Amino acid sequence: RDHATNVGTMFRGKENALMPNWLRLPVGYHGRASSVVVSGTPIRRPRGQMRPDQTKPPVFGPSKQLDIELEMAFFVGGENHLGEPIPIHKAHEHIFGMVLMNDWSARDIQAWEYVPLGPFLGKNFGTTISPWVVPMEALLPFVEPNPIQDPEPLPYLQHQDAYTFNINLFVSLKGEDMASAVNICSSNFRYMYWTMKQQLAHHTVNGCNVRPGDLLASGTISGPNPESFGSMLELSWRGSKTIDLGGGNSRTFLNDGDDITITGYCE
C-alpha cells in the first residue's frame, strides 16, 4: 500500500493516490517468463520510446531512469484445472516457497507507454530472482497477523487465518567507483497489504489455471518511512532529490555498472 500511495501521489496527487479498486482487489498484471533470470545475470540498460519533454514528440534511446523494485515472489507448487478457481481456504496448498526478486524498471519508458494497458517494455527486459527457493514450511515460525484490511474484502478474498511473514529485507548499491556497497533501503515483507493466498485466489477466481513453477510476485515492498521505500523512484521522489551514498557519491536512478544486492532474513 505504501508503494502504491507514494507513486500515485507523484503522478496523480495526494487526493487521488490510490485508484478506487486498489483496496478492493490485489491489483496485478501478467509478465513473461523468458527474461526471468537468476541472481548474478547482468542486466543491459533497456532502450525504448520516452517523452521527457511533454511539449515535444517522443524520442528513442537508452533509459535514463533505470530503477530497481524490492519484491518477493512465490512459486506455485500445485496446479488447478482450467475453469476451476482455487478457493482461498485451499490456496496455501498450492504455494510452494518464496524467493527474493528485483523487478527492474525503466521509469521513463514506463511513463510513456503504460496508459492504457500497463507496463510493457519498461519492465520486460529483465526480472532477477534469488537462486534458492525457501519452502513455506521454513517460514512458518515467522508468521504474524496480516494488517487489518478496510474496507472488508469480498467473500472470495476473506480468510480466517489472515497472516503474513516477518521477513527483514535490505537493498544495497555499489557503484564502479565505490569501495564498498551502501544500504539504500531497509524494509519488511510485513508491509504488504494483500496476502499471497489472496493473490492466488484472485488470480484464479475467473477460472485461470496455474501450474507448478508459475511465479507470482508481491509488488514493491515499501514501508511507511523513507528509508523503507523499495524503489529509487520513491527514494529520489521521482528524481527530485538525490540518494546520498557517502564519499561524494549520489544517485537518483541507476548508473551503468552499478551492482544491486537484495538480502532477506528472518529472526
Protein backbone atom coordinates (compact mmCIF):
# COMPACT_ATOMS: atom_id res chain seq x y z
CA ARG A 1 0.00 0.00 0.00
CA ASP A 2 2.82 2.41 0.83
CA HIS A 3 4.44 1.98 -2.59
CA ALA A 4 1.14 2.42 -4.44
CA THR A 5 0.34 5.50 -2.36
CA ASN A 6 3.76 7.05 -2.95
CA VAL A 7 3.74 6.51 -6.71
CA GLY A 8 0.11 7.58 -7.00
CA THR A 9 0.90 10.78 -5.12
CA MET A 10 3.76 11.57 -7.50
CA PHE A 11 1.72 11.11 -10.65
CA ARG A 12 -1.88 11.95 -9.60
CA GLY A 13 -1.60 13.98 -6.42
CA LYS A 14 -2.28 13.11 -2.78
CA GLU A 15 -6.07 13.18 -3.11
CA ASN A 16 -6.04 10.56 -5.90
CA ALA A 17 -3.06 8.50 -4.77
CA LEU A 18 -4.88 5.14 -4.71
CA MET A 19 -7.17 4.13 -7.55
CA PRO A 20 -10.74 3.18 -6.46
CA ASN A 21 -10.11 -0.55 -6.96
CA TRP A 22 -6.82 -0.79 -5.04
CA LEU A 23 -8.31 -1.57 -1.61
CA ARG A 24 -10.87 -3.93 -3.15
CA LEU A 25 -8.67 -6.40 -5.03
CA PRO A 26 -4.97 -7.33 -5.34
CA VAL A 27 -4.18 -5.35 -8.48
CA GLY A 28 -1.68 -7.03 -10.79
CA TYR A 29 -0.64 -7.66 -14.37
CA HIS A 30 0.77 -10.55 -16.37
CA GLY A 31 4.51 -10.64 -17.00
CA ARG A 32 6.62 -13.06 -19.04
CA ALA A 33 8.88 -15.98 -18.14
CA SER A 34 11.51 -15.54 -20.87
CA SER A 35 13.53 -12.82 -19.11
CA VAL A 36 13.25 -14.03 -15.51
CA VAL A 37 16.90 -14.66 -14.63
CA VAL A 38 18.88 -15.90 -11.66
CA SER A 39 20.87 -13.59 -9.41
CA GLY A 40 24.22 -12.58 -10.93
CA THR A 41 22.95 -12.34 -14.50
CA PRO A 42 23.96 -8.94 -15.97
CA ILE A 43 21.08 -6.66 -16.97
CA ARG A 44 21.59 -4.46 -20.03
CA ARG A 45 20.20 -0.94 -19.90
CA PRO A 46 16.99 -1.08 -21.98
CA ARG A 47 16.19 1.11 -24.95
CA GLY A 48 12.76 2.33 -25.90
CA GLN A 49 10.47 5.27 -26.51
CA MET A 50 10.35 8.07 -23.94
CA ARG A 51 8.82 11.51 -23.80
CA PRO A 52 10.94 13.57 -21.38
CA ASP A 53 9.56 16.84 -22.75
CA GLN A 54 5.76 16.81 -22.87
CA THR A 55 5.76 19.65 -25.41
CA LYS A 56 7.78 17.63 -27.93
CA PRO A 57 7.36 14.27 -29.73
CA PRO A 58 8.75 11.11 -28.11
CA VAL A 59 12.38 10.09 -28.57
CA PHE A 60 14.09 6.69 -28.78
CA GLY A 61 17.18 5.72 -26.83
CA PRO A 62 18.57 4.12 -23.67
CA SER A 63 16.57 4.63 -20.50
CA LYS A 64 17.86 7.38 -18.24
CA GLN A 65 15.71 6.29 -15.32
CA LEU A 66 16.67 2.65 -14.74
CA ASP A 67 15.28 1.57 -11.38
CA ILE A 68 15.02 -1.37 -9.00
CA GLU A 69 11.99 -2.75 -7.18
CA LEU A 70 12.39 -4.66 -3.94
CA GLU A 71 9.99 -7.59 -4.14
CA MET A 72 9.47 -11.18 -3.09
CA ALA A 73 7.69 -13.85 -5.10
CA PHE A 74 6.25 -17.30 -4.60
CA PHE A 75 6.34 -20.39 -6.78
CA VAL A 76 3.16 -22.35 -7.38
CA GLY A 77 3.56 -25.95 -6.24
CA GLY A 78 0.24 -27.48 -7.23
CA GLU A 79 -1.91 -26.87 -10.28
CA ASN A 80 -5.62 -26.32 -10.75
CA HIS A 81 -7.66 -27.22 -13.80
CA LEU A 82 -8.76 -24.61 -16.30
CA GLY A 83 -12.13 -23.22 -15.22
CA GLU A 84 -11.73 -24.29 -11.58
CA PRO A 85 -10.74 -21.46 -9.20
CA ILE A 86 -8.55 -22.09 -6.17
CA PRO A 87 -10.63 -21.17 -3.08
CA ILE A 88 -8.78 -19.04 -0.59
CA HIS A 89 -9.00 -21.67 2.17
CA LYS A 90 -7.04 -24.05 -0.06
CA ALA A 91 -4.62 -21.52 -1.55
CA HIS A 92 -1.82 -22.48 0.87
CA GLU A 93 -1.83 -25.99 -0.63
CA HIS A 94 -0.70 -24.50 -3.95
CA ILE A 95 2.09 -22.21 -2.64
CA PHE A 96 5.46 -23.99 -2.52
CA GLY A 97 8.06 -21.43 -1.49
CA MET A 98 9.47 -17.93 -1.84
CA VAL A 99 12.37 -16.12 -3.48
CA LEU A 100 13.75 -12.60 -3.42
CA MET A 101 13.00 -10.59 -6.56
CA ASN A 102 14.23 -7.43 -8.26
CA ASP A 103 11.66 -6.25 -10.79
CA TRP A 104 13.93 -3.96 -12.82
CA SER A 105 12.01 -0.99 -14.24
CA ALA A 106 12.76 1.73 -16.79
CA ARG A 107 10.65 4.55 -15.41
CA ASP A 108 10.89 6.90 -18.38
CA ILE A 109 9.88 4.17 -20.84
CA GLN A 110 7.14 3.02 -18.47
CA ALA A 111 5.74 6.53 -18.01
CA TRP A 112 5.21 6.98 -21.76
CA GLU A 113 3.81 3.55 -22.58
CA TYR A 114 1.75 2.37 -19.61
CA VAL A 115 -1.59 4.08 -20.45
CA PRO A 116 -3.96 2.34 -21.03
CA LEU A 117 -2.70 -1.26 -20.85
CA GLY A 118 0.06 -1.13 -18.24
CA PRO A 119 3.81 -1.86 -18.23
CA PHE A 120 5.44 -3.41 -21.31
CA LEU A 121 8.96 -2.51 -22.47
CA GLY A 122 9.52 -0.64 -19.23
CA LYS A 123 9.67 -3.96 -17.36
CA ASN A 124 10.05 -6.93 -19.71
CA PHE A 125 13.83 -6.59 -20.21
CA GLY A 126 14.71 -8.45 -17.02
CA THR A 127 13.48 -9.71 -13.66
CA THR A 128 16.03 -11.16 -11.23
CA ILE A 129 15.28 -13.80 -8.59
CA SER A 130 17.44 -15.41 -5.92
CA PRO A 131 18.89 -18.85 -6.75
CA TRP A 132 17.31 -20.72 -3.82
CA VAL A 133 13.61 -21.27 -3.10
CA VAL A 134 12.75 -21.18 0.61
CA PRO A 135 9.84 -23.61 1.30
CA MET A 136 6.87 -22.15 3.15
CA GLU A 137 7.40 -24.64 5.99
CA ALA A 138 10.70 -22.93 6.81
CA LEU A 139 8.94 -19.57 7.14
CA LEU A 140 6.09 -20.69 9.41
CA PRO A 141 7.94 -19.78 12.66
CA PHE A 142 7.92 -16.16 11.47
CA VAL A 143 4.19 -15.81 10.83
CA GLU A 144 2.38 -12.77 12.22
CA PRO A 145 -1.14 -11.34 11.74
CA ASN A 146 -1.76 -9.51 8.50
CA PRO A 147 -2.70 -5.82 8.80
CA ILE A 148 -6.45 -5.17 9.05
CA GLN A 149 -7.98 -4.65 5.61
CA ASP A 150 -10.50 -1.83 5.37
CA PRO A 151 -12.87 -1.99 3.56
CA GLU A 152 -13.54 -5.66 4.17
CA PRO A 153 -12.73 -7.70 1.06
CA LEU A 154 -15.41 -9.54 -0.87
CA PRO A 155 -16.14 -13.08 0.40
CA TYR A 156 -13.85 -14.89 -2.06
CA LEU A 157 -10.89 -12.86 -0.67
CA GLN A 158 -11.70 -13.36 3.02
CA HIS A 159 -9.75 -15.88 5.07
CA GLN A 160 -9.94 -16.84 8.72
CA ASP A 161 -6.16 -17.12 9.08
CA ALA A 162 -5.01 -13.82 7.59
CA TYR A 163 -1.28 -13.93 8.22
CA THR A 164 1.89 -12.52 6.76
CA PHE A 165 5.61 -13.07 7.44
CA ASN A 166 8.18 -11.06 9.36
CA ILE A 167 10.98 -11.02 6.77
CA ASN A 168 13.63 -8.30 7.04
CA LEU A 169 14.67 -7.01 3.62
CA PHE A 170 17.55 -4.80 2.50
CA VAL A 171 18.83 -3.28 -0.73
CA SER A 172 22.43 -2.16 -1.18
CA LEU A 173 24.09 -0.38 -4.09
CA LYS A 174 27.75 -0.40 -5.13
CA GLY A 175 28.93 1.78 -7.98
CA GLU A 176 32.03 1.06 -10.05
CA ASP A 177 33.82 3.94 -8.30
CA MET A 178 32.80 2.90 -4.77
CA ALA A 179 34.96 0.85 -2.40
CA SER A 180 32.00 -0.86 -0.73
CA ALA A 181 28.25 -1.21 -1.03
CA VAL A 182 25.87 1.18 0.73
CA ASN A 183 22.45 0.22 2.07
CA ILE A 184 19.71 2.31 0.45
CA CYS A 185 16.60 0.53 1.74
CA SER A 186 15.55 -1.36 4.88
CA SER A 187 12.04 -2.81 4.62
CA ASN A 188 9.98 -5.82 5.68
CA PHE A 189 7.57 -8.19 3.95
CA ARG A 190 5.01 -7.47 6.69
CA TYR A 191 4.21 -4.15 5.00
CA MET A 192 2.33 -5.89 2.18
CA TYR A 193 -1.42 -5.22 2.20
CA TRP A 194 -2.68 -8.31 0.33
CA THR A 195 -1.61 -11.83 1.32
CA MET A 196 -0.19 -14.43 -1.03
CA LYS A 197 -3.31 -16.55 -0.55
CA GLN A 198 -5.46 -13.61 -1.62
CA GLN A 199 -3.25 -13.07 -4.66
CA LEU A 200 -3.63 -16.68 -5.77
CA ALA A 201 -7.36 -16.83 -5.06
CA HIS A 202 -7.94 -13.65 -7.07
CA HIS A 203 -5.65 -14.76 -9.90
CA THR A 204 -7.68 -17.94 -10.40
CA VAL A 205 -11.20 -16.79 -9.45
CA ASN A 206 -12.13 -16.34 -13.12
CA GLY A 207 -11.03 -19.90 -13.91
CA CYS A 208 -7.43 -19.17 -14.87
CA ASN A 209 -5.27 -22.23 -14.31
CA VAL A 210 -1.81 -22.21 -12.73
CA ARG A 211 0.92 -24.82 -12.98
CA PRO A 212 3.90 -25.88 -10.85
CA GLY A 213 6.68 -23.38 -11.40
CA ASP A 214 4.42 -20.41 -12.11
CA LEU A 215 5.82 -17.35 -10.35
CA LEU A 216 3.68 -14.67 -8.65
CA ALA A 217 5.39 -11.52 -7.36
CA SER A 218 4.43 -9.43 -4.36
CA GLY A 219 4.77 -5.97 -5.83
CA THR A 220 7.19 -3.40 -4.47
CA ILE A 221 7.70 -3.75 -0.71
CA SER A 222 7.80 -0.23 0.69
CA GLY A 223 7.21 0.70 4.30
CA PRO A 224 5.87 3.84 5.96
CA ASN A 225 9.22 5.62 6.32
CA PRO A 226 11.53 6.99 3.58
CA GLU A 227 14.33 4.58 4.49
CA SER A 228 11.93 1.69 3.80
CA PHE A 229 10.98 2.78 0.27
CA GLY A 230 11.60 -0.16 -2.07
CA SER A 231 12.41 1.71 -5.29
CA MET A 232 14.70 4.53 -6.36
CA LEU A 233 11.64 6.23 -7.84
CA GLU A 234 10.42 6.68 -4.27
CA LEU A 235 13.82 7.20 -2.64
CA SER A 236 14.58 10.06 -5.05
CA TRP A 237 10.91 11.10 -5.19
CA ARG A 238 10.76 10.86 -8.99
CA GLY A 239 14.27 12.26 -9.36
CA SER A 240 13.57 15.46 -7.44
CA LYS A 241 16.26 14.72 -4.82
CA THR A 242 19.43 12.67 -4.69
CA ILE A 243 20.10 9.47 -2.76
CA ASP A 244 23.27 10.05 -0.71
CA LEU A 245 25.74 7.16 -0.95
CA GLY A 246 28.55 8.84 1.00
CA GLY A 247 32.02 9.76 -0.21
CA GLY A 248 30.61 12.32 -2.58
CA ASN A 249 28.54 9.69 -4.41
CA SER A 250 24.82 10.03 -5.05
CA ARG A 251 22.10 8.70 -7.32
CA THR A 252 18.60 9.44 -8.49
CA PHE A 253 18.43 6.32 -10.70
CA LEU A 254 20.98 3.64 -11.62
CA ASN A 255 24.26 4.36 -13.38
CA ASP A 256 25.94 1.92 -15.74
CA GLY A 257 28.00 -0.59 -13.76
CA ASP A 258 26.00 -0.28 -10.53
CA ASP A 259 25.70 -3.51 -8.56
CA ILE A 260 22.45 -4.12 -6.65
CA THR A 261 22.20 -6.67 -3.83
CA ILE A 262 18.92 -7.65 -2.17
CA THR A 263 19.11 -9.62 1.07
CA GLY A 264 16.48 -11.01 3.39
CA TYR A 265 16.36 -12.90 6.67
CA CYS A 266 14.01 -13.92 9.46
CA GLU A 267 14.79 -13.99 13.17
